[in-house]
């Protein structure tokens, strides 16, 4: 199945612009199920983008989330670790960024905002597990080789 892609931008309360990568089936209609894709610590990687593309090929609306701002990407482990550590230093930072991503995906005209799930890889796996632990409005969450440690255990219910 052919797909279309576009950048979806949204801004944090502190003025950081996040530039996420949206993938849709080429002939998308409304009411598609949506999937957030949280990347590894490298930033908005080709791996995360390709995962979103594969999901769109299967008929989903998929948003590879920019978790650092400006669609930053590095192949330097020290830089990736610095960005991840900075993002994890204040739990409110990732909470805001992921909730903005969820809101942005739900707001797309092709998406049924009541049918959204999330997947994540490594650092992104932790990000989506934390979304589930917080009780964000997700129907399903899958973590691929995700970091399991968290300062926020799952809430009862």
C-alpha atoms as a PDB file:
ATOM      1  CA  UNK A   1       0.000   0.000   0.000  1.00  0.00           C
ATOM      2  CA  UNK A   2       1.281   3.464  -0.841  1.00  0.00           C
ATOM      3  CA  UNK A   3       1.586   6.064   1.891  1.00  0.00           C
ATOM      4  CA  UNK A   4       1.852   9.807   2.303  1.00  0.00           C
ATOM      5  CA  UNK A   5       3.944  11.615   4.899  1.00  0.00           C
ATOM      6  CA  UNK A   6       4.042  15.067   6.403  1.00  0.00           C
ATOM      7  CA  UNK A   7       5.634  16.899   9.286  1.00  0.00           C
ATOM      8  CA  UNK A   8       3.364  17.773  12.187  1.00  0.00           C
ATOM      9  CA  UNK A   9       4.644  20.614  14.358  1.00  0.00           C
ATOM     10  CA  UNK A  10       3.529  21.533  17.848  1.00  0.00           C
ATOM     11  CA  UNK A  11       5.082  23.676  20.567  1.00  0.00           C
ATOM     12  CA  UNK A  12       5.661  23.150  24.285  1.00  0.00           C
ATOM     13  CA  UNK A  13       4.641  25.736  26.858  1.00  0.00           C
ATOM     14  CA  UNK A  14       8.317  26.746  27.014  1.00  0.00           C
ATOM     15  CA  UNK A  15       8.425  27.465  23.273  1.00  0.00           C
ATOM     16  CA  UNK A  16      10.239  24.333  22.032  1.00  0.00           C
ATOM     17  CA  UNK A  17       8.966  23.296  18.593  1.00  0.00           C
ATOM     18  CA  UNK A  18       8.584  19.555  18.132  1.00  0.00           C
ATOM     19  CA  UNK A  19       8.588  18.292  14.531  1.00  0.00           C
ATOM     20  CA  UNK A  20       7.088  14.825  14.336  1.00  0.00           C
ATOM     21  CA  UNK A  21       6.729  12.611  11.265  1.00  0.00           C
ATOM     22  CA  UNK A  22       3.183  11.565  10.303  1.00  0.00           C
ATOM     23  CA  UNK A  23       2.556   8.641   7.964  1.00  0.00           C
ATOM     24  CA  UNK A  24      -0.841   7.791   6.478  1.00  0.00           C
ATOM     25  CA  UNK A  25      -2.192   5.349   3.926  1.00  0.00           C
ATOM     26  CA  UNK A  26      -2.204   7.193   0.577  1.00  0.00           C
ATOM     27  CA  UNK A  27      -5.974   7.121   0.269  1.00  0.00           C
ATOM     28  CA  UNK A  28      -6.687   7.669   3.940  1.00  0.00           C
ATOM     29  CA  UNK A  29     -10.219   8.289   5.029  1.00  0.00           C
ATOM     30  CA  UNK A  30     -11.302   9.461   8.448  1.00  0.00           C
ATOM     31  CA  UNK A  31     -11.519   7.228  11.523  1.00  0.00           C
ATOM     32  CA  UNK A  32      -8.117   5.572  11.167  1.00  0.00           C
ATOM     33  CA  UNK A  33      -6.626   4.053  14.285  1.00  0.00           C
ATOM     34  CA  UNK A  34      -3.500   5.933  15.292  1.00  0.00           C
ATOM     35  CA  UNK A  35      -0.162   4.774  16.646  1.00  0.00           C
ATOM     36  CA  UNK A  36       2.473   6.934  18.307  1.00  0.00           C
ATOM     37  CA  UNK A  37       6.045   5.788  17.670  1.00  0.00           C
ATOM     38  CA  UNK A  38       8.624   6.777  20.302  1.00  0.00           C
ATOM     39  CA  UNK A  39      12.202   6.534  19.014  1.00  0.00           C
ATOM     40  CA  UNK A  40      15.411   5.356  20.629  1.00  0.00           C
ATOM     41  CA  UNK A  41      17.657   7.845  22.397  1.00  0.00           C
ATOM     42  CA  UNK A  42      19.229   8.946  19.086  1.00  0.00           C
ATOM     43  CA  UNK A  43      16.316  11.268  18.340  1.00  0.00           C
ATOM     44  CA  UNK A  44      13.861  11.156  15.444  1.00  0.00           C
ATOM     45  CA  UNK A  45      15.695   8.312  13.723  1.00  0.00           C
ATOM     46  CA  UNK A  46      15.232   6.624  10.380  1.00  0.00           C
ATOM     47  CA  UNK A  47      14.333   3.479  12.336  1.00  0.00           C
ATOM     48  CA  UNK A  48      11.402   5.223  14.038  1.00  0.00           C
ATOM     49  CA  UNK A  49      10.324   6.846  10.775  1.00  0.00           C
ATOM     50  CA  UNK A  50      10.461   3.501   8.964  1.00  0.00           C
ATOM     51  CA  UNK A  51       8.378   1.889  11.727  1.00  0.00           C
ATOM     52  CA  UNK A  52       5.752   4.610  11.211  1.00  0.00           C
ATOM     53  CA  UNK A  53       5.868   4.055   7.447  1.00  0.00           C
ATOM     54  CA  UNK A  54       5.333   0.298   7.883  1.00  0.00           C
ATOM     55  CA  UNK A  55       2.354   0.966  10.148  1.00  0.00           C
ATOM     56  CA  UNK A  56       0.839   3.303   7.542  1.00  0.00           C
ATOM     57  CA  UNK A  57       1.335   0.575   4.922  1.00  0.00           C
ATOM     58  CA  UNK A  58      -0.847  -1.608   7.169  1.00  0.00           C
ATOM     59  CA  UNK A  59      -3.615   1.011   7.289  1.00  0.00           C
ATOM     60  CA  UNK A  60      -2.788   2.999  10.433  1.00  0.00           C
ATOM     61  CA  UNK A  61      -2.037   6.662  10.981  1.00  0.00           C
ATOM     62  CA  UNK A  62       1.396   6.652  12.641  1.00  0.00           C
ATOM     63  CA  UNK A  63       3.263   9.551  14.205  1.00  0.00           C
ATOM     64  CA  UNK A  64       6.987   9.156  14.883  1.00  0.00           C
ATOM     65  CA  UNK A  65       7.400  11.584  17.777  1.00  0.00           C
ATOM     66  CA  UNK A  66      10.084  14.214  18.104  1.00  0.00           C
ATOM     67  CA  UNK A  67      10.985  14.013  21.797  1.00  0.00           C
ATOM     68  CA  UNK A  68      13.893  16.488  21.787  1.00  0.00           C
ATOM     69  CA  UNK A  69      12.719  19.358  19.579  1.00  0.00           C
ATOM     70  CA  UNK A  70      13.688  20.438  16.086  1.00  0.00           C
ATOM     71  CA  UNK A  71      13.627  16.773  14.956  1.00  0.00           C
ATOM     72  CA  UNK A  72      17.159  16.479  16.375  1.00  0.00           C
ATOM     73  CA  UNK A  73      19.115  13.350  15.528  1.00  0.00           C
ATOM     74  CA  UNK A  74      22.621  12.173  16.332  1.00  0.00           C
ATOM     75  CA  UNK A  75      24.741   9.080  15.827  1.00  0.00           C
ATOM     76  CA  UNK A  76      27.004  10.039  18.742  1.00  0.00           C
ATOM     77  CA  UNK A  77      26.204   7.979  21.869  1.00  0.00           C
ATOM     78  CA  UNK A  78      27.479  10.672  24.249  1.00  0.00           C
ATOM     79  CA  UNK A  79      25.185  13.266  22.647  1.00  0.00           C
ATOM     80  CA  UNK A  80      22.229  10.871  22.632  1.00  0.00           C
ATOM     81  CA  UNK A  81      22.820  10.092  26.299  1.00  0.00           C
ATOM     82  CA  UNK A  82      22.984  13.816  27.120  1.00  0.00           C
ATOM     83  CA  UNK A  83      19.679  14.509  25.335  1.00  0.00           C
ATOM     84  CA  UNK A  84      17.967  11.519  26.969  1.00  0.00           C
ATOM     85  CA  UNK A  85      19.313  12.407  30.422  1.00  0.00           C
ATOM     86  CA  UNK A  86      18.109  15.981  30.009  1.00  0.00           C
ATOM     87  CA  UNK A  87      14.649  14.798  28.953  1.00  0.00           C
ATOM     88  CA  UNK A  88      14.429  12.390  31.895  1.00  0.00           C
ATOM     89  CA  UNK A  89      15.705  14.900  34.483  1.00  0.00           C
ATOM     90  CA  UNK A  90      12.259  16.455  34.898  1.00  0.00           C
ATOM     91  CA  UNK A  91       9.379  13.974  34.433  1.00  0.00           C
ATOM     92  CA  UNK A  92       7.069  16.835  33.460  1.00  0.00           C
ATOM     93  CA  UNK A  93       9.161  17.442  30.310  1.00  0.00           C
ATOM     94  CA  UNK A  94       8.432  14.079  28.673  1.00  0.00           C
ATOM     95  CA  UNK A  95       4.892  14.069  30.003  1.00  0.00           C
ATOM     96  CA  UNK A  96       4.208  17.353  28.215  1.00  0.00           C
ATOM     97  CA  UNK A  97       5.963  16.302  25.008  1.00  0.00           C
ATOM     98  CA  UNK A  98       4.222  12.940  24.748  1.00  0.00           C
ATOM     99  CA  UNK A  99       0.824  14.363  25.599  1.00  0.00           C
ATOM    100  CA  UNK A 100       1.319  17.009  22.908  1.00  0.00           C
ATOM    101  CA  UNK A 101       2.206  14.228  20.459  1.00  0.00           C
ATOM    102  CA  UNK A 102      -0.915  12.294  21.445  1.00  0.00           C
ATOM    103  CA  UNK A 103      -3.046  15.412  21.075  1.00  0.00           C
ATOM    104  CA  UNK A 104      -1.470  16.231  17.685  1.00  0.00           C
ATOM    105  CA  UNK A 105      -2.126  12.724  16.340  1.00  0.00           C
ATOM    106  CA  UNK A 106      -5.694  12.703  17.671  1.00  0.00           C
ATOM    107  CA  UNK A 107      -6.331  16.092  16.008  1.00  0.00           C
ATOM    108  CA  UNK A 108      -5.471  14.874  12.506  1.00  0.00           C
ATOM    109  CA  UNK A 109      -8.633  14.756  10.365  1.00  0.00           C
ATOM    110  CA  UNK A 110      -7.910  11.175   9.281  1.00  0.00           C
ATOM    111  CA  UNK A 111      -7.601   9.866  12.853  1.00  0.00           C
ATOM    112  CA  UNK A 112     -10.170   8.551  15.319  1.00  0.00           C
ATOM    113  CA  UNK A 113      -8.839  10.154  18.509  1.00  0.00           C
ATOM    114  CA  UNK A 114     -10.479   7.434  20.590  1.00  0.00           C
ATOM    115  CA  UNK A 115      -8.405   4.669  18.983  1.00  0.00           C
ATOM    116  CA  UNK A 116      -4.740   5.421  19.585  1.00  0.00           C
ATOM    117  CA  UNK A 117      -1.956   3.173  20.784  1.00  0.00           C
ATOM    118  CA  UNK A 118       1.791   3.631  21.175  1.00  0.00           C
ATOM    119  CA  UNK A 119       4.983   1.713  20.501  1.00  0.00           C
ATOM    120  CA  UNK A 120       8.507   2.589  21.498  1.00  0.00           C
ATOM    121  CA  UNK A 121      12.045   1.365  21.080  1.00  0.00           C
ATOM    122  CA  UNK A 122      14.591   1.287  23.968  1.00  0.00           C
ATOM    123  CA  UNK A 123      14.347   4.821  25.475  1.00  0.00           C
ATOM    124  CA  UNK A 124      11.101   5.201  23.515  1.00  0.00           C
ATOM    125  CA  UNK A 125       9.908   1.928  25.030  1.00  0.00           C
ATOM    126  CA  UNK A 126      10.241   3.486  28.448  1.00  0.00           C
ATOM    127  CA  UNK A 127       8.482   6.612  27.193  1.00  0.00           C
ATOM    128  CA  UNK A 128       5.388   4.664  26.072  1.00  0.00           C
ATOM    129  CA  UNK A 129       5.372   2.498  29.213  1.00  0.00           C
ATOM    130  CA  UNK A 130       5.387   5.688  31.272  1.00  0.00           C
ATOM    131  CA  UNK A 131       2.461   6.978  29.193  1.00  0.00           C
ATOM    132  CA  UNK A 132       0.539   3.822  30.109  1.00  0.00           C
ATOM    133  CA  UNK A 133       1.599   4.053  33.769  1.00  0.00           C
ATOM    134  CA  UNK A 134       0.267   7.632  33.909  1.00  0.00           C
ATOM    135  CA  UNK A 135      -3.048   6.519  32.462  1.00  0.00           C
ATOM    136  CA  UNK A 136      -2.770   8.488  29.204  1.00  0.00           C
ATOM    137  CA  UNK A 137      -5.662   7.735  26.853  1.00  0.00           C
ATOM    138  CA  UNK A 138      -4.095   4.879  24.897  1.00  0.00           C
ATOM    139  CA  UNK A 139      -5.777   1.644  23.859  1.00  0.00           C
ATOM    140  CA  UNK A 140      -2.545  -0.374  23.768  1.00  0.00           C
ATOM    141  CA  UNK A 141       1.173   0.082  24.394  1.00  0.00           C
ATOM    142  CA  UNK A 142       4.089  -2.022  23.190  1.00  0.00           C
ATOM    143  CA  UNK A 143       7.676  -1.576  24.316  1.00  0.00           C
ATOM    144  CA  UNK A 144      10.456  -3.071  22.197  1.00  0.00           C
ATOM    145  CA  UNK A 145      13.588  -3.685  24.284  1.00  0.00           C
ATOM    146  CA  UNK A 146      12.418  -0.788  26.449  1.00  0.00           C
ATOM    147  CA  UNK A 147      13.993   0.548  29.591  1.00  0.00           C
ATOM    148  CA  UNK A 148      11.778  -0.788  32.380  1.00  0.00           C
ATOM    149  CA  UNK A 149      12.973   1.442  35.242  1.00  0.00           C
ATOM    150  CA  UNK A 150      10.610   4.247  36.154  1.00  0.00           C
ATOM    151  CA  UNK A 151      10.074   6.810  38.896  1.00  0.00           C
ATOM    152  CA  UNK A 152       6.333   6.442  38.238  1.00  0.00           C
ATOM    153  CA  UNK A 153       4.919   2.957  38.912  1.00  0.00           C
ATOM    154  CA  UNK A 154       1.643   2.017  37.250  1.00  0.00           C
ATOM    155  CA  UNK A 155      -1.432   3.410  38.963  1.00  0.00           C
ATOM    156  CA  UNK A 156      -4.039   1.006  40.245  1.00  0.00           C
ATOM    157  CA  UNK A 157      -6.796   0.446  37.695  1.00  0.00           C
END
